[in-house]
Amino acid sequence: MKIKQLSLFVENKPGHLLAPCRLLADHHIDLRALSVADTQHFGVLRLIVAEPDQAAKLLEDKGFVVKTTEVLAVEVEDRPGGLARVLAALEGSPLNIEYMYAFPFGHDDRAVLIFRFDDPDAAIARMQAAAISVLSTTEILGG
């Protein structure tokens, strides 16, 4: 239930997000979710893509610094309180959320929260105990 996320380091200058996105598009690799975090000189582009291994190789071959990490994709109701329910499942645990981002799932008023936890296996157990759906790669790509 852990999924692969690609993180790319890109210069924080106009137009620098185009190259990796164009490369993936030219190779028909679908972007399912993305997030950009920036600093003054560089940004971190986080991507959930179809075929992450192929995408990582393509990007690295073009000179991008790419890191693959495991994240969790948690399905929630796309309504007020959806995130609060997930966070409540973590209450009282030592789990740390390193970062997160969200996107609408595209059907049935659902959304997906992407989490990077310090202990993803423990996070999966907490989510399952709270009857919160942790999605597989197939479910994200088919969403």
N, C-alpha and C. Protein backbone atom coordinates (compact mmCIF):
# COMPACT_ATOMS: atom_id res chain seq x y z
N MET A 1 0.81 -1.21 0.00
CA MET A 1 0.00 0.00 0.00
C MET A 1 0.85 1.26 0.00
N LYS A 2 2.15 1.10 0.11
CA LYS A 2 3.03 2.25 -0.08
C LYS A 2 3.18 2.46 -1.59
N ILE A 3 3.25 3.70 -1.97
CA ILE A 3 3.42 4.01 -3.39
C ILE A 3 4.71 4.80 -3.58
N LYS A 4 5.24 4.74 -4.80
CA LYS A 4 6.48 5.44 -5.11
C LYS A 4 6.18 6.87 -5.53
N GLN A 5 6.96 7.77 -4.96
CA GLN A 5 6.89 9.18 -5.32
C GLN A 5 8.28 9.60 -5.80
N LEU A 6 8.32 10.37 -6.85
CA LEU A 6 9.58 10.91 -7.34
C LEU A 6 9.72 12.34 -6.85
N SER A 7 10.90 12.68 -6.35
CA SER A 7 11.21 14.06 -5.97
C SER A 7 12.36 14.53 -6.83
N LEU A 8 12.17 15.66 -7.49
CA LEU A 8 13.18 16.24 -8.36
C LEU A 8 13.61 17.58 -7.79
N PHE A 9 14.87 17.85 -7.88
CA PHE A 9 15.39 19.14 -7.47
C PHE A 9 15.55 19.98 -8.72
N VAL A 10 14.86 21.11 -8.76
CA VAL A 10 14.90 22.00 -9.93
C VAL A 10 15.21 23.41 -9.48
N GLU A 11 15.91 24.13 -10.35
CA GLU A 11 16.22 25.52 -10.03
C GLU A 11 14.95 26.33 -9.94
N ASN A 12 14.92 27.26 -9.00
CA ASN A 12 13.77 28.13 -8.81
C ASN A 12 13.89 29.33 -9.74
N LYS A 13 13.67 29.07 -11.03
CA LYS A 13 13.73 30.10 -12.06
C LYS A 13 12.58 29.87 -13.03
N PRO A 14 12.10 30.94 -13.66
CA PRO A 14 11.00 30.79 -14.61
C PRO A 14 11.30 29.74 -15.68
N GLY A 15 10.33 28.89 -15.94
CA GLY A 15 10.44 27.90 -17.00
C GLY A 15 11.09 26.59 -16.63
N HIS A 16 11.65 26.46 -15.44
CA HIS A 16 12.39 25.25 -15.09
C HIS A 16 11.50 24.06 -14.75
N LEU A 17 10.22 24.26 -14.54
CA LEU A 17 9.31 23.12 -14.35
C LEU A 17 8.90 22.48 -15.67
N LEU A 18 9.04 23.23 -16.75
CA LEU A 18 8.60 22.73 -18.04
C LEU A 18 9.40 21.51 -18.50
N ALA A 19 10.70 21.53 -18.35
CA ALA A 19 11.54 20.44 -18.90
C ALA A 19 11.16 19.06 -18.36
N PRO A 20 11.06 18.87 -17.05
CA PRO A 20 10.69 17.52 -16.61
C PRO A 20 9.26 17.14 -17.01
N CYS A 21 8.34 18.10 -16.97
CA CYS A 21 6.96 17.80 -17.36
C CYS A 21 6.86 17.47 -18.84
N ARG A 22 7.60 18.19 -19.66
CA ARG A 22 7.60 17.92 -21.10
C ARG A 22 8.22 16.56 -21.39
N LEU A 23 9.31 16.23 -20.71
CA LEU A 23 9.97 14.94 -20.91
C LEU A 23 9.01 13.79 -20.61
N LEU A 24 8.31 13.88 -19.49
CA LEU A 24 7.34 12.83 -19.14
C LEU A 24 6.19 12.78 -20.15
N ALA A 25 5.72 13.93 -20.57
CA ALA A 25 4.64 13.98 -21.56
C ALA A 25 5.08 13.36 -22.88
N ASP A 26 6.31 13.68 -23.31
CA ASP A 26 6.82 13.14 -24.57
C ASP A 26 6.94 11.62 -24.54
N HIS A 27 7.06 11.06 -23.34
CA HIS A 27 7.16 9.60 -23.20
C HIS A 27 5.83 8.99 -22.70
N HIS A 28 4.77 9.78 -22.77
CA HIS A 28 3.41 9.33 -22.43
C HIS A 28 3.31 8.78 -21.00
N ILE A 29 4.00 9.42 -20.08
CA ILE A 29 3.93 9.05 -18.67
C ILE A 29 2.98 10.01 -17.98
N ASP A 30 1.91 9.47 -17.44
CA ASP A 30 0.83 10.25 -16.84
C ASP A 30 1.21 10.75 -15.46
N LEU A 31 0.98 12.04 -15.22
CA LEU A 31 1.14 12.64 -13.89
C LEU A 31 -0.20 12.49 -13.17
N ARG A 32 -0.20 11.86 -12.01
CA ARG A 32 -1.43 11.72 -11.24
C ARG A 32 -1.55 12.78 -10.16
N ALA A 33 -0.41 13.18 -9.59
CA ALA A 33 -0.43 14.21 -8.55
C ALA A 33 0.94 14.86 -8.53
N LEU A 34 0.97 16.11 -8.08
CA LEU A 34 2.26 16.78 -7.93
C LEU A 34 2.17 17.86 -6.88
N SER A 35 3.33 18.21 -6.40
CA SER A 35 3.46 19.28 -5.41
C SER A 35 4.80 19.96 -5.65
N VAL A 36 4.84 21.25 -5.43
CA VAL A 36 6.10 21.98 -5.54
C VAL A 36 6.33 22.71 -4.23
N ALA A 37 7.51 22.50 -3.66
CA ALA A 37 7.94 23.25 -2.48
C ALA A 37 9.17 24.03 -2.91
N ASP A 38 9.25 25.28 -2.50
CA ASP A 38 10.37 26.07 -3.00
C ASP A 38 11.17 26.73 -1.89
N THR A 39 12.39 27.05 -2.25
CA THR A 39 13.25 27.91 -1.46
C THR A 39 13.71 29.00 -2.41
N GLN A 40 14.59 29.84 -1.97
CA GLN A 40 15.03 30.95 -2.81
C GLN A 40 15.73 30.48 -4.08
N HIS A 41 16.51 29.39 -4.02
CA HIS A 41 17.33 29.00 -5.15
C HIS A 41 16.89 27.72 -5.86
N PHE A 42 16.14 26.85 -5.18
CA PHE A 42 15.72 25.62 -5.83
C PHE A 42 14.34 25.22 -5.33
N GLY A 43 13.76 24.30 -6.05
CA GLY A 43 12.47 23.76 -5.65
C GLY A 43 12.51 22.25 -5.63
N VAL A 44 11.59 21.67 -4.92
CA VAL A 44 11.42 20.22 -4.93
C VAL A 44 10.08 19.95 -5.59
N LEU A 45 10.13 19.25 -6.71
CA LEU A 45 8.94 18.86 -7.44
C LEU A 45 8.66 17.40 -7.07
N ARG A 46 7.55 17.17 -6.40
CA ARG A 46 7.16 15.81 -5.99
C ARG A 46 6.08 15.32 -6.94
N LEU A 47 6.27 14.11 -7.45
CA LEU A 47 5.38 13.58 -8.47
C LEU A 47 4.92 12.17 -8.14
N ILE A 48 3.65 11.92 -8.36
CA ILE A 48 3.12 10.57 -8.41
C ILE A 48 2.81 10.34 -9.89
N VAL A 49 3.47 9.35 -10.47
CA VAL A 49 3.35 9.12 -11.90
C VAL A 49 3.08 7.65 -12.19
N ALA A 50 2.51 7.41 -13.37
CA ALA A 50 2.46 6.05 -13.89
C ALA A 50 3.90 5.69 -14.24
N GLU A 51 4.28 4.47 -14.01
CA GLU A 51 5.61 3.97 -14.36
C GLU A 51 6.73 4.77 -13.69
N PRO A 52 6.78 4.81 -12.37
CA PRO A 52 7.77 5.63 -11.68
C PRO A 52 9.22 5.22 -11.95
N ASP A 53 9.48 3.94 -12.13
CA ASP A 53 10.86 3.51 -12.39
C ASP A 53 11.34 4.03 -13.74
N GLN A 54 10.49 3.89 -14.75
CA GLN A 54 10.82 4.40 -16.08
C GLN A 54 10.97 5.92 -16.05
N ALA A 55 10.06 6.58 -15.35
CA ALA A 55 10.12 8.05 -15.26
C ALA A 55 11.42 8.50 -14.58
N ALA A 56 11.79 7.84 -13.50
CA ALA A 56 13.03 8.20 -12.79
C ALA A 56 14.23 8.06 -13.71
N LYS A 57 14.30 6.96 -14.45
CA LYS A 57 15.43 6.75 -15.35
C LYS A 57 15.48 7.82 -16.44
N LEU A 58 14.33 8.11 -17.05
CA LEU A 58 14.27 9.15 -18.08
C LEU A 58 14.79 10.48 -17.54
N LEU A 59 14.31 10.84 -16.36
CA LEU A 59 14.70 12.12 -15.77
C LEU A 59 16.18 12.14 -15.40
N GLU A 60 16.66 11.07 -14.80
CA GLU A 60 18.09 11.01 -14.44
C GLU A 60 18.97 11.06 -15.68
N ASP A 61 18.56 10.38 -16.75
CA ASP A 61 19.33 10.41 -18.00
C ASP A 61 19.42 11.81 -18.58
N LYS A 62 18.47 12.67 -18.26
CA LYS A 62 18.49 14.06 -18.72
C LYS A 62 19.14 15.00 -17.71
N GLY A 63 19.74 14.43 -16.66
CA GLY A 63 20.51 15.24 -15.72
C GLY A 63 19.76 15.71 -14.48
N PHE A 64 18.54 15.29 -14.30
CA PHE A 64 17.81 15.69 -13.10
C PHE A 64 18.25 14.84 -11.91
N VAL A 65 18.29 15.46 -10.75
CA VAL A 65 18.52 14.74 -9.51
C VAL A 65 17.17 14.24 -9.04
N VAL A 66 17.01 12.91 -8.96
CA VAL A 66 15.73 12.29 -8.64
C VAL A 66 15.90 11.39 -7.43
N LYS A 67 15.00 11.52 -6.50
CA LYS A 67 14.96 10.64 -5.34
C LYS A 67 13.60 9.95 -5.33
N THR A 68 13.60 8.64 -5.12
CA THR A 68 12.36 7.89 -5.01
C THR A 68 12.09 7.61 -3.55
N THR A 69 10.90 7.94 -3.09
CA THR A 69 10.51 7.69 -1.70
C THR A 69 9.17 6.99 -1.68
N GLU A 70 8.89 6.36 -0.53
CA GLU A 70 7.60 5.71 -0.35
C GLU A 70 6.68 6.64 0.42
N VAL A 71 5.48 6.80 -0.10
CA VAL A 71 4.47 7.63 0.54
C VAL A 71 3.18 6.82 0.64
N LEU A 72 2.25 7.33 1.43
CA LEU A 72 0.93 6.72 1.54
C LEU A 72 -0.10 7.61 0.87
N ALA A 73 -1.03 6.99 0.18
CA ALA A 73 -2.15 7.69 -0.42
C ALA A 73 -3.39 7.27 0.35
N VAL A 74 -4.00 8.23 1.02
CA VAL A 74 -5.15 7.95 1.87
C VAL A 74 -6.38 8.59 1.24
N GLU A 75 -7.43 7.78 1.08
CA GLU A 75 -8.67 8.27 0.50
C GLU A 75 -9.58 8.81 1.60
N VAL A 76 -10.13 9.99 1.37
CA VAL A 76 -11.03 10.61 2.33
C VAL A 76 -12.23 11.20 1.60
N GLU A 77 -13.27 11.47 2.34
CA GLU A 77 -14.40 12.21 1.78
C GLU A 77 -13.94 13.63 1.51
N ASP A 78 -14.29 14.14 0.34
CA ASP A 78 -13.93 15.51 -0.05
C ASP A 78 -14.98 16.46 0.51
N ARG A 79 -14.86 16.71 1.82
CA ARG A 79 -15.80 17.57 2.53
C ARG A 79 -15.10 18.10 3.77
N PRO A 80 -15.64 19.13 4.40
CA PRO A 80 -15.04 19.61 5.64
C PRO A 80 -14.92 18.48 6.66
N GLY A 81 -13.76 18.35 7.26
CA GLY A 81 -13.53 17.33 8.27
C GLY A 81 -12.84 16.08 7.75
N GLY A 82 -12.66 15.94 6.43
CA GLY A 82 -12.00 14.77 5.87
C GLY A 82 -10.58 14.62 6.39
N LEU A 83 -9.82 15.68 6.35
CA LEU A 83 -8.44 15.66 6.86
C LEU A 83 -8.42 15.47 8.37
N ALA A 84 -9.31 16.13 9.07
CA ALA A 84 -9.34 16.03 10.53
C ALA A 84 -9.56 14.58 10.97
N ARG A 85 -10.39 13.84 10.25
CA ARG A 85 -10.61 12.43 10.59
C ARG A 85 -9.32 11.62 10.48
N VAL A 86 -8.55 11.87 9.44
CA VAL A 86 -7.28 11.16 9.27
C VAL A 86 -6.30 11.55 10.37
N LEU A 87 -6.20 12.82 10.65
CA LEU A 87 -5.28 13.27 11.69
C LEU A 87 -5.68 12.74 13.06
N ALA A 88 -6.98 12.62 13.30
CA ALA A 88 -7.45 12.08 14.58
C ALA A 88 -7.01 10.62 14.76
N ALA A 89 -6.89 9.88 13.65
CA ALA A 89 -6.43 8.49 13.73
C ALA A 89 -4.98 8.40 14.20
N LEU A 90 -4.25 9.48 14.05
CA LEU A 90 -2.84 9.52 14.46
C LEU A 90 -2.65 10.07 15.86
N GLU A 91 -3.71 10.64 16.41
CA GLU A 91 -3.63 11.29 17.71
C GLU A 91 -3.11 10.31 18.77
N GLY A 92 -2.17 10.78 19.56
CA GLY A 92 -1.60 9.98 20.63
C GLY A 92 -0.49 9.04 20.18
N SER A 93 -0.20 9.01 18.90
CA SER A 93 0.88 8.15 18.40
C SER A 93 2.15 8.99 18.24
N PRO A 94 3.30 8.34 18.18
CA PRO A 94 4.54 9.07 17.95
C PRO A 94 4.82 9.35 16.48
N LEU A 95 3.88 9.02 15.60
CA LEU A 95 4.11 9.20 14.16
C LEU A 95 4.27 10.66 13.80
N ASN A 96 5.22 10.91 12.92
CA ASN A 96 5.48 12.26 12.45
C ASN A 96 5.15 12.36 10.97
N ILE A 97 4.39 13.37 10.60
CA ILE A 97 4.13 13.65 9.19
C ILE A 97 5.23 14.57 8.72
N GLU A 98 6.03 14.10 7.76
CA GLU A 98 7.12 14.91 7.23
C GLU A 98 6.59 15.96 6.26
N TYR A 99 5.60 15.57 5.44
CA TYR A 99 4.88 16.51 4.58
C TYR A 99 3.66 15.80 4.03
N MET A 100 2.79 16.58 3.43
CA MET A 100 1.59 16.02 2.81
C MET A 100 1.08 16.99 1.75
N TYR A 101 0.31 16.46 0.82
CA TYR A 101 -0.41 17.27 -0.15
C TYR A 101 -1.65 16.48 -0.57
N ALA A 102 -2.56 17.15 -1.26
CA ALA A 102 -3.85 16.53 -1.56
C ALA A 102 -4.25 16.81 -2.99
N PHE A 103 -5.17 15.97 -3.50
CA PHE A 103 -5.77 16.23 -4.80
C PHE A 103 -7.14 15.56 -4.83
N PRO A 104 -8.07 16.11 -5.61
CA PRO A 104 -9.39 15.47 -5.74
C PRO A 104 -9.23 14.16 -6.49
N PHE A 105 -10.01 13.16 -6.11
CA PHE A 105 -9.87 11.83 -6.68
C PHE A 105 -10.64 11.69 -7.98
N GLY A 106 -11.57 12.57 -8.22
CA GLY A 106 -12.27 12.56 -9.50
C GLY A 106 -13.55 11.74 -9.55
N HIS A 107 -13.95 11.14 -8.43
CA HIS A 107 -15.23 10.44 -8.44
C HIS A 107 -15.77 10.33 -7.01
N ASP A 108 -17.07 10.28 -6.94
CA ASP A 108 -17.77 10.03 -5.67
C ASP A 108 -17.39 10.99 -4.55
N ASP A 109 -17.10 12.25 -4.88
CA ASP A 109 -16.77 13.24 -3.85
C ASP A 109 -15.67 12.76 -2.91
N ARG A 110 -14.62 12.19 -3.47
CA ARG A 110 -13.50 11.69 -2.70
C ARG A 110 -12.26 12.52 -3.02
N ALA A 111 -11.34 12.54 -2.09
CA ALA A 111 -10.04 13.19 -2.29
C ALA A 111 -8.96 12.23 -1.83
N VAL A 112 -7.74 12.50 -2.24
CA VAL A 112 -6.61 11.69 -1.83
C VAL A 112 -5.60 12.60 -1.15
N LEU A 113 -5.15 12.15 0.00
CA LEU A 113 -4.09 12.84 0.74
C LEU A 113 -2.83 12.01 0.59
N ILE A 114 -1.75 12.63 0.15
CA ILE A 114 -0.46 11.96 0.04
C ILE A 114 0.35 12.35 1.26
N PHE A 115 0.80 11.36 2.02
CA PHE A 115 1.56 11.59 3.25
C PHE A 115 2.94 10.96 3.15
N ARG A 116 3.92 11.66 3.63
CA ARG A 116 5.25 11.09 3.88
C ARG A 116 5.38 11.02 5.39
N PHE A 117 5.41 9.78 5.92
CA PHE A 117 5.53 9.55 7.35
C PHE A 117 6.94 9.08 7.69
N ASP A 118 7.35 9.31 8.92
CA ASP A 118 8.64 8.79 9.37
C ASP A 118 8.59 7.28 9.54
N ASP A 119 7.41 6.70 9.75
CA ASP A 119 7.24 5.25 9.87
C ASP A 119 5.98 4.85 9.10
N PRO A 120 6.10 4.62 7.78
CA PRO A 120 4.90 4.36 6.98
C PRO A 120 4.16 3.09 7.38
N ASP A 121 4.87 2.06 7.82
CA ASP A 121 4.18 0.83 8.21
C ASP A 121 3.29 1.05 9.44
N ALA A 122 3.80 1.79 10.41
CA ALA A 122 2.98 2.11 11.59
C ALA A 122 1.79 2.99 11.19
N ALA A 123 2.00 3.89 10.25
CA ALA A 123 0.91 4.75 9.79
C ALA A 123 -0.18 3.92 9.10
N ILE A 124 0.23 2.95 8.29
CA ILE A 124 -0.75 2.07 7.64
C ILE A 124 -1.59 1.35 8.69
N ALA A 125 -0.93 0.83 9.71
CA ALA A 125 -1.64 0.11 10.77
C ALA A 125 -2.65 1.03 11.46
N ARG A 126 -2.26 2.28 11.74
CA ARG A 126 -3.19 3.22 12.40
C ARG A 126 -4.37 3.53 11.49
N MET A 127 -4.11 3.72 10.20
CA MET A 127 -5.19 4.03 9.27
C MET A 127 -6.15 2.84 9.17
N GLN A 128 -5.62 1.65 9.04
CA GLN A 128 -6.47 0.47 8.94
C GLN A 128 -7.31 0.29 10.20
N ALA A 129 -6.73 0.53 11.35
CA ALA A 129 -7.47 0.40 12.61
C ALA A 129 -8.62 1.40 12.69
N ALA A 130 -8.47 2.53 12.02
CA ALA A 130 -9.51 3.56 12.02
C ALA A 130 -10.44 3.44 10.81
N ALA A 131 -10.31 2.36 10.04
CA ALA A 131 -11.13 2.12 8.85
C ALA A 131 -10.97 3.22 7.81
N ILE A 132 -9.74 3.71 7.68
CA ILE A 132 -9.41 4.71 6.66
C ILE A 132 -8.70 3.99 5.53
N SER A 133 -9.14 4.24 4.32
CA SER A 133 -8.63 3.52 3.15
C SER A 133 -7.26 4.05 2.72
N VAL A 134 -6.27 3.14 2.72
CA VAL A 134 -4.95 3.44 2.18
C VAL A 134 -4.90 2.81 0.80
N LEU A 135 -4.67 3.63 -0.22
CA LEU A 135 -4.78 3.19 -1.60
C LEU A 135 -3.48 2.58 -2.12
N SER A 136 -3.63 1.68 -3.07
CA SER A 136 -2.49 1.08 -3.76
C SER A 136 -2.13 1.93 -4.97
N THR A 137 -0.99 1.63 -5.55
CA THR A 137 -0.58 2.32 -6.77
C THR A 137 -1.63 2.15 -7.87
N THR A 138 -2.16 0.96 -8.03
CA THR A 138 -3.17 0.69 -9.04
C THR A 138 -4.41 1.55 -8.85
N GLU A 139 -4.83 1.71 -7.61
CA GLU A 139 -6.01 2.52 -7.33
C GLU A 139 -5.77 3.99 -7.64
N ILE A 140 -4.57 4.48 -7.36
CA ILE A 140 -4.23 5.88 -7.67
C ILE A 140 -4.19 6.09 -9.18
N LEU A 141 -3.56 5.19 -9.90
CA LEU A 141 -3.43 5.34 -11.34
C LEU A 141 -4.76 5.17 -12.05
N GLY A 142 -5.63 4.36 -11.47
CA GLY A 142 -6.92 4.14 -12.09
C GLY A 142 -7.96 5.15 -11.67
N GLY A 143 -7.60 6.00 -10.64
CA GLY A 143 -8.55 6.94 -10.05
C GLY A 143 -9.24 7.82 -11.01
